[in-house]
Amino acid sequence: MPTLQFVDAPEWYKNGIEEPHEPGNRDEELTTWIKPHQEYVAASRHGKLIYRSRGHVMHHYDYVEMAGEIKAFIAELWD
Protein backbone atom coordinates (compact mmCIF):
# COMPACT_ATOMS: atom_id res chain seq x y z
CA MET A 1 0.00 0.00 0.00
CA PRO A 2 1.46 3.42 -0.87
CA THR A 3 1.93 5.60 2.18
CA LEU A 4 2.89 9.21 2.78
CA GLN A 5 3.62 10.18 6.35
CA PHE A 6 4.29 13.57 7.90
CA VAL A 7 6.23 13.06 11.11
CA ASP A 8 7.09 15.59 13.79
CA ALA A 9 10.83 15.45 14.31
CA PRO A 10 13.34 17.47 16.31
CA GLU A 11 15.06 20.36 14.55
CA TRP A 12 18.32 18.40 14.60
CA TYR A 13 16.75 15.55 12.62
CA LYS A 14 15.94 17.29 9.35
CA ASN A 15 15.30 15.22 6.25
CA GLY A 16 16.01 12.05 8.19
CA ILE A 17 19.60 13.04 8.86
CA GLU A 18 20.73 13.23 12.45
CA GLU A 19 22.76 16.38 12.99
CA PRO A 20 25.00 17.01 16.00
CA HIS A 21 22.90 17.86 19.04
CA GLU A 22 22.82 17.84 22.82
CA PRO A 23 21.75 14.41 24.14
CA GLY A 24 18.50 14.35 26.04
CA ASN A 25 14.88 13.25 26.09
CA ARG A 26 14.50 13.83 22.38
CA ASP A 27 16.81 10.88 21.69
CA GLU A 28 14.18 8.59 23.17
CA GLU A 29 11.58 10.21 20.92
CA LEU A 30 13.74 9.38 17.94
CA THR A 31 13.73 5.67 18.71
CA THR A 32 10.14 5.37 19.97
CA TRP A 33 8.37 7.75 17.56
CA ILE A 34 10.37 8.23 14.37
CA LYS A 35 11.93 4.80 13.90
CA PRO A 36 8.58 2.93 13.67
CA HIS A 37 7.45 5.38 10.97
CA GLN A 38 10.67 4.78 9.05
CA GLU A 39 10.16 1.02 9.26
CA TYR A 40 6.55 1.25 8.09
CA VAL A 41 7.48 3.42 5.10
CA ALA A 42 10.39 1.12 4.23
CA ALA A 43 7.97 -1.83 4.13
CA SER A 44 5.55 0.02 1.83
CA ARG A 45 5.44 -0.54 -1.90
CA HIS A 46 5.72 3.21 -2.45
CA GLY A 47 6.44 5.06 0.79
CA LYS A 48 7.60 8.54 1.63
CA LEU A 49 8.33 10.16 4.95
CA ILE A 50 8.39 13.94 5.37
CA TYR A 51 9.93 15.35 8.54
CA ARG A 52 8.62 18.56 10.08
CA SER A 53 9.40 20.32 13.33
CA ARG A 54 6.01 21.86 13.89
CA GLY A 55 4.45 19.73 16.60
CA HIS A 56 1.55 17.30 16.58
CA VAL A 57 -0.88 19.76 14.97
CA MET A 58 1.40 20.64 12.04
CA HIS A 59 -1.61 20.49 9.71
CA HIS A 60 -2.95 23.65 11.36
CA TYR A 61 0.15 25.60 10.38
CA ASP A 62 1.49 23.97 7.21
CA TYR A 63 -1.68 22.89 5.44
CA VAL A 64 -0.85 24.64 2.15
CA GLU A 65 2.61 23.06 1.90
CA MET A 66 1.28 19.69 3.04
CA ALA A 67 -1.49 19.78 0.43
CA GLY A 68 1.11 20.42 -2.26
CA GLU A 69 3.23 17.52 -1.02
CA ILE A 70 0.20 15.22 -0.99
CA LYS A 71 -0.73 16.21 -4.55
CA ALA A 72 2.85 15.62 -5.72
CA PHE A 73 2.92 12.21 -4.01
CA ILE A 74 -0.33 11.17 -5.68
CA ALA A 75 0.95 12.42 -9.05
CA GLU A 76 4.07 10.23 -8.62
CA LEU A 77 1.82 7.19 -8.23
CA TRP A 78 0.19 7.79 -11.61
CA ASP A 79 3.42 8.27 -13.57
PDB file of N, CA and C in Angstrom:
ATOM      1  N   MET A   1       0.851  -1.168   0.000  1.00  0.00           N
ATOM      2  CA  MET A   1       0.000   0.000   0.000  1.00  0.00           C
ATOM      3  C   MET A   1       0.902   1.239   0.000  1.00  0.00           C
ATOM      4  N   PRO A   2       0.695   2.174  -0.911  1.00  0.00           N
ATOM      5  CA  PRO A   2       1.462   3.422  -0.872  1.00  0.00           C
ATOM      6  C   PRO A   2       1.148   4.189   0.410  1.00  0.00           C
ATOM      7  N   THR A   3       2.147   4.831   0.961  1.00  0.00           N
ATOM      8  CA  THR A   3       1.928   5.597   2.182  1.00  0.00           C
ATOM      9  C   THR A   3       2.799   6.843   2.199  1.00  0.00           C
ATOM     10  N   LEU A   4       2.185   7.941   2.583  1.00  0.00           N
ATOM     11  CA  LEU A   4       2.885   9.210   2.779  1.00  0.00           C
ATOM     12  C   LEU A   4       2.660   9.601   4.228  1.00  0.00           C
ATOM     13  N   GLN A   5       3.748   9.829   4.943  1.00  0.00           N
ATOM     14  CA  GLN A   5       3.621  10.180   6.353  1.00  0.00           C
ATOM     15  C   GLN A   5       4.357  11.483   6.642  1.00  0.00           C
ATOM     16  N   PHE A   6       3.688  12.350   7.382  1.00  0.00           N
ATOM     17  CA  PHE A   6       4.295  13.565   7.898  1.00  0.00           C
ATOM     18  C   PHE A   6       4.581  13.293   9.369  1.00  0.00           C
ATOM     19  N   VAL A   7       5.826  13.410   9.751  1.00  0.00           N
ATOM     20  CA  VAL A   7       6.226  13.058  11.112  1.00  0.00           C
ATOM     21  C   VAL A   7       6.894  14.256  11.782  1.00  0.00           C
ATOM     22  N   ASP A   8       6.438  14.551  12.993  1.00  0.00           N
ATOM     23  CA  ASP A   8       7.086  15.591  13.790  1.00  0.00           C
ATOM     24  C   ASP A   8       8.444  15.071  14.237  1.00  0.00           C
ATOM     25  N   ALA A   9       9.465  15.850  13.961  1.00  0.00           N
ATOM     26  CA  ALA A   9      10.832  15.452  14.311  1.00  0.00           C
ATOM     27  C   ALA A   9      11.567  16.639  14.903  1.00  0.00           C
ATOM     28  N   PRO A  10      12.547  16.372  15.740  1.00  0.00           N
ATOM     29  CA  PRO A  10      13.340  17.466  16.310  1.00  0.00           C
ATOM     30  C   PRO A  10      14.048  18.254  15.211  1.00  0.00           C
ATOM     31  N   GLU A  11      14.347  19.499  15.500  1.00  0.00           N
ATOM     32  CA  GLU A  11      15.059  20.361  14.546  1.00  0.00           C
ATOM     33  C   GLU A  11      16.358  19.723  14.075  1.00  0.00           C
ATOM     34  N   TRP A  12      17.025  18.973  14.953  1.00  0.00           N
ATOM     35  CA  TRP A  12      18.319  18.400  14.603  1.00  0.00           C
ATOM     36  C   TRP A  12      18.191  17.131  13.766  1.00  0.00           C
ATOM     37  N   TYR A  13      16.959  16.758  13.421  1.00  0.00           N
ATOM     38  CA  TYR A  13      16.755  15.550  12.618  1.00  0.00           C
ATOM     39  C   TYR A  13      16.022  15.909  11.330  1.00  0.00           C
ATOM     40  N   LYS A  14      16.578  16.840  10.584  1.00  0.00           N
ATOM     41  CA  LYS A  14      15.937  17.293   9.352  1.00  0.00           C
ATOM     42  C   LYS A  14      16.214  16.330   8.212  1.00  0.00           C
ATOM     43  N   ASN A  15      15.201  16.085   7.418  1.00  0.00           N
ATOM     44  CA  ASN A  15      15.300  15.216   6.251  1.00  0.00           C
ATOM     45  C   ASN A  15      15.828  13.824   6.592  1.00  0.00           C
ATOM     46  N   GLY A  16      15.591  13.383   7.811  1.00  0.00           N
ATOM     47  CA  GLY A  16      16.013  12.045   8.193  1.00  0.00           C
ATOM     48  C   GLY A  16      17.492  11.917   8.464  1.00  0.00           C
ATOM     49  N   ILE A  17      18.167  13.049   8.603  1.00  0.00           N
ATOM     50  CA  ILE A  17      19.604  13.039   8.858  1.00  0.00           C
ATOM     51  C   ILE A  17      19.849  13.602  10.253  1.00  0.00           C
ATOM     52  N   GLU A  18      20.459  12.803  11.073  1.00  0.00           N
ATOM     53  CA  GLU A  18      20.729  13.229  12.446  1.00  0.00           C
ATOM     54  C   GLU A  18      21.936  14.156  12.460  1.00  0.00           C
ATOM     55  N   GLU A  19      21.699  15.395  12.881  1.00  0.00           N
ATOM     56  CA  GLU A  19      22.762  16.382  12.987  1.00  0.00           C
ATOM     57  C   GLU A  19      23.295  16.402  14.414  1.00  0.00           C
ATOM     58  N   PRO A  20      24.483  16.926  14.628  1.00  0.00           N
ATOM     59  CA  PRO A  20      25.005  17.009  15.999  1.00  0.00           C
ATOM     60  C   PRO A  20      24.019  17.759  16.902  1.00  0.00           C
ATOM     61  N   HIS A  21      23.852  17.258  18.116  1.00  0.00           N
ATOM     62  CA  HIS A  21      22.905  17.860  19.045  1.00  0.00           C
ATOM     63  C   HIS A  21      23.279  17.487  20.473  1.00  0.00           C
ATOM     64  N   GLU A  22      22.643  18.153  21.399  1.00  0.00           N
ATOM     65  CA  GLU A  22      22.824  17.835  22.817  1.00  0.00           C
ATOM     66  C   GLU A  22      21.961  16.609  23.139  1.00  0.00           C
ATOM     67  N   PRO A  23      22.546  15.583  23.756  1.00  0.00           N
ATOM     68  CA  PRO A  23      21.749  14.411  24.139  1.00  0.00           C
ATOM     69  C   PRO A  23      20.654  14.810  25.125  1.00  0.00           C
ATOM     70  N   GLY A  24      19.584  14.065  25.111  1.00  0.00           N
ATOM     71  CA  GLY A  24      18.500  14.351  26.044  1.00  0.00           C
ATOM     72  C   GLY A  24      17.276  13.517  25.741  1.00  0.00           C
ATOM     73  N   ASN A  25      16.132  13.988  26.241  1.00  0.00           N
ATOM     74  CA  ASN A  25      14.885  13.254  26.095  1.00  0.00           C
ATOM     75  C   ASN A  25      14.489  13.047  24.637  1.00  0.00           C
ATOM     76  N   ARG A  26      14.885  13.950  23.769  1.00  0.00           N
ATOM     77  CA  ARG A  26      14.498  13.834  22.376  1.00  0.00           C
ATOM     78  C   ARG A  26      15.107  12.593  21.720  1.00  0.00           C
ATOM     79  N   ASP A  27      16.227  12.097  22.242  1.00  0.00           N
ATOM     80  CA  ASP A  27      16.810  10.881  21.687  1.00  0.00           C
ATOM     81  C   ASP A  27      15.858   9.705  21.845  1.00  0.00           C
ATOM     82  N   GLU A  28      15.151   9.653  22.958  1.00  0.00           N
ATOM     83  CA  GLU A  28      14.177   8.586  23.169  1.00  0.00           C
ATOM     84  C   GLU A  28      13.031   8.731  22.175  1.00  0.00           C
ATOM     85  N   GLU A  29      12.635   9.970  21.901  1.00  0.00           N
ATOM     86  CA  GLU A  29      11.577  10.211  20.921  1.00  0.00           C
ATOM     87  C   GLU A  29      11.991   9.690  19.546  1.00  0.00           C
ATOM     88  N   LEU A  30      13.245   9.842  19.234  1.00  0.00           N
ATOM     89  CA  LEU A  30      13.743   9.384  17.943  1.00  0.00           C
ATOM     90  C   LEU A  30      13.529   7.886  17.788  1.00  0.00           C
ATOM     91  N   THR A  31      13.843   7.124  18.814  1.00  0.00           N
ATOM     92  CA  THR A  31      13.730   5.669  18.706  1.00  0.00           C
ATOM     93  C   THR A  31      12.295   5.169  18.902  1.00  0.00           C
ATOM     94  N   THR A  32      11.493   5.861  19.708  1.00  0.00           N
ATOM     95  CA  THR A  32      10.138   5.374  19.968  1.00  0.00           C
ATOM     96  C   THR A  32       9.092   5.954  19.022  1.00  0.00           C
ATOM     97  N   TRP A  33       9.358   7.097  18.417  1.00  0.00           N
ATOM     98  CA  TRP A  33       8.367   7.747  17.564  1.00  0.00           C
ATOM     99  C   TRP A  33       8.769   7.711  16.089  1.00  0.00           C
ATOM    100  N   ILE A  34       9.967   8.100  15.769  1.00  0.00           N
ATOM    101  CA  ILE A  34      10.370   8.228  14.372  1.00  0.00           C
ATOM    102  C   ILE A  34      10.738   6.887  13.753  1.00  0.00           C
ATOM    103  N   LYS A  35      11.476   6.075  14.465  1.00  0.00           N
ATOM    104  CA  LYS A  35      11.933   4.796  13.905  1.00  0.00           C
ATOM    105  C   LYS A  35      10.782   3.904  13.426  1.00  0.00           C
ATOM    106  N   PRO A  36       9.691   3.751  14.183  1.00  0.00           N
ATOM    107  CA  PRO A  36       8.582   2.929  13.670  1.00  0.00           C
ATOM    108  C   PRO A  36       7.990   3.475  12.364  1.00  0.00           C
ATOM    109  N   HIS A  37       7.940   4.792  12.223  1.00  0.00           N
ATOM    110  CA  HIS A  37       7.454   5.376  10.972  1.00  0.00           C
ATOM    111  C   HIS A  37       8.400   5.037   9.824  1.00  0.00           C
ATOM    112  N   GLN A  38       9.682   5.121  10.081  1.00  0.00           N
ATOM    113  CA  GLN A  38      10.668   4.778   9.053  1.00  0.00           C
ATOM    114  C   GLN A  38      10.521   3.325   8.612  1.00  0.00           C
ATOM    115  N   GLU A  39      10.313   2.437   9.568  1.00  0.00           N
ATOM    116  CA  GLU A  39      10.162   1.016   9.257  1.00  0.00           C
ATOM    117  C   GLU A  39       8.893   0.753   8.448  1.00  0.00           C
ATOM    118  N   TYR A  40       7.820   1.425   8.796  1.00  0.00           N
ATOM    119  CA  TYR A  40       6.550   1.253   8.086  1.00  0.00           C
ATOM    120  C   TYR A  40       6.682   1.719   6.637  1.00  0.00           C
ATOM    121  N   VAL A  41       7.293   2.879   6.444  1.00  0.00           N
ATOM    122  CA  VAL A  41       7.480   3.419   5.097  1.00  0.00           C
ATOM    123  C   VAL A  41       8.413   2.519   4.287  1.00  0.00           C
ATOM    124  N   ALA A  42       9.446   2.006   4.923  1.00  0.00           N
ATOM    125  CA  ALA A  42      10.387   1.121   4.228  1.00  0.00           C
ATOM    126  C   ALA A  42       9.699  -0.161   3.763  1.00  0.00           C
ATOM    127  N   ALA A  43       8.688  -0.611   4.483  1.00  0.00           N
ATOM    128  CA  ALA A  43       7.975  -1.830   4.128  1.00  0.00           C
ATOM    129  C   ALA A  43       6.856  -1.581   3.116  1.00  0.00           C
ATOM    130  N   SER A  44       6.602  -0.324   2.786  1.00  0.00           N
ATOM    131  CA  SER A  44       5.550   0.021   1.833  1.00  0.00           C
ATOM    132  C   SER A  44       6.043  -0.141   0.404  1.00  0.00           C
ATOM    133  N   ARG A  45       5.116  -0.418  -0.483  1.00  0.00           N
ATOM    134  CA  ARG A  45       5.441  -0.536  -1.898  1.00  0.00           C
ATOM    135  C   ARG A  45       5.945   0.795  -2.432  1.00  0.00           C
ATOM    136  N   HIS A  46       5.301   1.863  -2.059  1.00  0.00           N
ATOM    137  CA  HIS A  46       5.719   3.213  -2.449  1.00  0.00           C
ATOM    138  C   HIS A  46       5.514   4.086  -1.215  1.00  0.00           C
ATOM    139  N   GLY A  47       6.561   4.311  -0.449  1.00  0.00           N
ATOM    140  CA  GLY A  47       6.437   5.062   0.788  1.00  0.00           C
ATOM    141  C   GLY A  47       7.309   6.299   0.799  1.00  0.00           C
ATOM    142  N   LYS A  48       6.836   7.303   1.485  1.00  0.00           N
ATOM    143  CA  LYS A  48       7.605   8.535   1.626  1.00  0.00           C
ATOM    144  C   LYS A  48       7.344   9.109   3.015  1.00  0.00           C
ATOM    145  N   LEU A  49       8.400   9.596   3.615  1.00  0.00           N
ATOM    146  CA  LEU A  49       8.331  10.164   4.953  1.00  0.00           C
ATOM    147  C   LEU A  49       8.821  11.599   4.874  1.00  0.00           C
ATOM    148  N   ILE A  50       8.024  12.525   5.375  1.00  0.00           N
ATOM    149  CA  ILE A  50       8.395  13.938   5.374  1.00  0.00           C
ATOM    150  C   ILE A  50       8.507  14.386   6.818  1.00  0.00           C
ATOM    151  N   TYR A  51       9.666  14.908   7.172  1.00  0.00           N
ATOM    152  CA  TYR A  51       9.929  15.348   8.536  1.00  0.00           C
ATOM    153  C   TYR A  51       9.602  16.826   8.681  1.00  0.00           C
ATOM    154  N   ARG A  52       8.931  17.156   9.756  1.00  0.00           N
ATOM    155  CA  ARG A  52       8.616  18.557  10.079  1.00  0.00           C
ATOM    156  C   ARG A  52       8.855  18.763  11.572  1.00  0.00           C
ATOM    157  N   SER A  53       9.198  19.967  11.918  1.00  0.00           N
ATOM    158  CA  SER A  53       9.402  20.321  13.327  1.00  0.00           C
ATOM    159  C   SER A  53       8.354  21.347  13.730  1.00  0.00           C
ATOM    160  N   ARG A  54       7.096  20.940  13.612  1.00  0.00           N
ATOM    161  CA  ARG A  54       6.008  21.864  13.889  1.00  0.00           C
ATOM    162  C   ARG A  54       5.061  21.378  14.977  1.00  0.00           C
ATOM    163  N   GLY A  55       5.327  20.237  15.554  1.00  0.00           N
ATOM    164  CA  GLY A  55       4.453  19.726  16.597  1.00  0.00           C
ATOM    165  C   GLY A  55       3.358  18.839  16.034  1.00  0.00           C
ATOM    166  N   HIS A  56       2.581  18.284  16.934  1.00  0.00           N
ATOM    167  CA  HIS A  56       1.555  17.301  16.583  1.00  0.00           C
ATOM    168  C   HIS A  56       0.481  17.875  15.652  1.00  0.00           C
ATOM    169  N   VAL A  57       0.177  19.157  15.788  1.00  0.00           N
ATOM    170  CA  VAL A  57      -0.883  19.761  14.974  1.00  0.00           C
ATOM    171  C   VAL A  57      -0.299  20.531  13.786  1.00  0.00           C
ATOM    172  N   MET A  58       0.718  19.971  13.162  1.00  0.00           N
ATOM    173  CA  MET A  58       1.397  20.638  12.042  1.00  0.00           C
ATOM    174  C   MET A  58       0.426  20.991  10.927  1.00  0.00           C
ATOM    175  N   HIS A  59      -0.643  20.225  10.765  1.00  0.00           N
ATOM    176  CA  HIS A  59      -1.613  20.493   9.705  1.00  0.00           C
ATOM    177  C   HIS A  59      -2.346  21.817   9.909  1.00  0.00           C
ATOM    178  N   HIS A  60      -2.344  22.339  11.114  1.00  0.00           N
ATOM    179  CA  HIS A  60      -2.951  23.647  11.362  1.00  0.00           C
ATOM    180  C   HIS A  60      -2.076  24.773  10.819  1.00  0.00           C
ATOM    181  N   TYR A  61      -0.791  24.555  10.770  1.00  0.00           N
ATOM    182  CA  TYR A  61       0.150  25.596  10.377  1.00  0.00           C
ATOM    183  C   TYR A  61       0.642  25.450   8.939  1.00  0.00           C
ATOM    184  N   ASP A  62       0.843  24.225   8.496  1.00  0.00           N
ATOM    185  CA  ASP A  62       1.494  23.966   7.206  1.00  0.00           C
ATOM    186  C   ASP A  62       0.558  23.333   6.181  1.00  0.00           C
ATOM    187  N   TYR A  63      -0.729  23.596   6.290  1.00  0.00           N
ATOM    188  CA  TYR A  63      -1.685  22.892   5.440  1.00  0.00           C
ATOM    189  C   TYR A  63      -1.487  23.163   3.949  1.00  0.00           C
ATOM    190  N   VAL A  64      -1.059  24.345   3.570  1.00  0.00           N
ATOM    191  CA  VAL A  64      -0.852  24.642   2.149  1.00  0.00           C
ATOM    192  C   VAL A  64       0.317  23.821   1.610  1.00  0.00           C
ATOM    193  N   GLU A  65       1.439  23.824   2.331  1.00  0.00           N
ATOM    194  CA  GLU A  65       2.607  23.056   1.904  1.00  0.00           C
ATOM    195  C   GLU A  65       2.310  21.563   1.907  1.00  0.00           C
ATOM    196  N   MET A  66       1.600  21.106   2.930  1.00  0.00           N
ATOM    197  CA  MET A  66       1.284  19.687   3.036  1.00  0.00           C
ATOM    198  C   MET A  66       0.354  19.257   1.895  1.00  0.00           C
ATOM    199  N   ALA A  67      -0.599  20.104   1.546  1.00  0.00           N
ATOM    200  CA  ALA A  67      -1.494  19.781   0.435  1.00  0.00           C
ATOM    201  C   ALA A  67      -0.696  19.636  -0.862  1.00  0.00           C
ATOM    202  N   GLY A  68       0.264  20.513  -1.066  1.00  0.00           N
ATOM    203  CA  GLY A  68       1.108  20.418  -2.256  1.00  0.00           C
ATOM    204  C   GLY A  68       1.922  19.144  -2.273  1.00  0.00           C
ATOM    205  N   GLU A  69       2.441  18.750  -1.108  1.00  0.00           N
ATOM    206  CA  GLU A  69       3.226  17.521  -1.023  1.00  0.00           C
ATOM    207  C   GLU A  69       2.354  16.291  -1.244  1.00  0.00           C
ATOM    208  N   ILE A  70       1.124  16.330  -0.772  1.00  0.00           N
ATOM    209  CA  ILE A  70       0.195  15.221  -0.987  1.00  0.00           C
ATOM    210  C   ILE A  70      -0.140  15.104  -2.475  1.00  0.00           C
ATOM    211  N   LYS A  71      -0.420  16.234  -3.113  1.00  0.00           N
ATOM    212  CA  LYS A  71      -0.728  16.210  -4.549  1.00  0.00           C
ATOM    213  C   LYS A  71       0.453  15.685  -5.354  1.00  0.00           C
ATOM    214  N   ALA A  72       1.657  16.099  -5.009  1.00  0.00           N
ATOM    215  CA  ALA A  72       2.852  15.620  -5.716  1.00  0.00           C
ATOM    216  C   ALA A  72       3.041  14.118  -5.509  1.00  0.00           C
ATOM    217  N   PHE A  73       2.786  13.637  -4.301  1.00  0.00           N
ATOM    218  CA  PHE A  73       2.915  12.209  -4.006  1.00  0.00           C
ATOM    219  C   PHE A  73       1.922  11.401  -4.837  1.00  0.00           C
ATOM    220  N   ILE A  74       0.686  11.866  -4.908  1.00  0.00           N
ATOM    221  CA  ILE A  74      -0.329  11.170  -5.684  1.00  0.00           C
ATOM    222  C   ILE A  74       0.031  11.184  -7.168  1.00  0.00           C
ATOM    223  N   ALA A  75       0.540  12.313  -7.643  1.00  0.00           N
ATOM    224  CA  ALA A  75       0.947  12.419  -9.049  1.00  0.00           C
ATOM    225  C   ALA A  75       2.065  11.412  -9.365  1.00  0.00           C
ATOM    226  N   GLU A  76       2.992  11.198  -8.432  1.00  0.00           N
ATOM    227  CA  GLU A  76       4.066  10.229  -8.625  1.00  0.00           C
ATOM    228  C   GLU A  76       3.512   8.814  -8.822  1.00  0.00           C
ATOM    229  N   LEU A  77       2.417   8.517  -8.140  1.00  0.00           N
ATOM    230  CA  LEU A  77       1.823   7.188  -8.232  1.00  0.00           C
ATOM    231  C   LEU A  77       1.243   6.917  -9.610  1.00  0.00           C
ATOM    232  N   TRP A  78       0.831   7.948 -10.305  1.00  0.00           N
ATOM    233  CA  TRP A  78       0.190   7.790 -11.614  1.00  0.00           C
ATOM    234  C   TRP A  78       1.162   7.898 -12.764  1.00  0.00           C
ATOM    235  N   ASP A  79       2.434   8.186 -12.489  1.00  0.00           N
ATOM    236  CA  ASP A  79       3.424   8.271 -13.573  1.00  0.00           C
ATOM    237  C   ASP A  79       3.856   6.916 -14.023  1.00  0.00           C
TER     238      ASP A  79
END
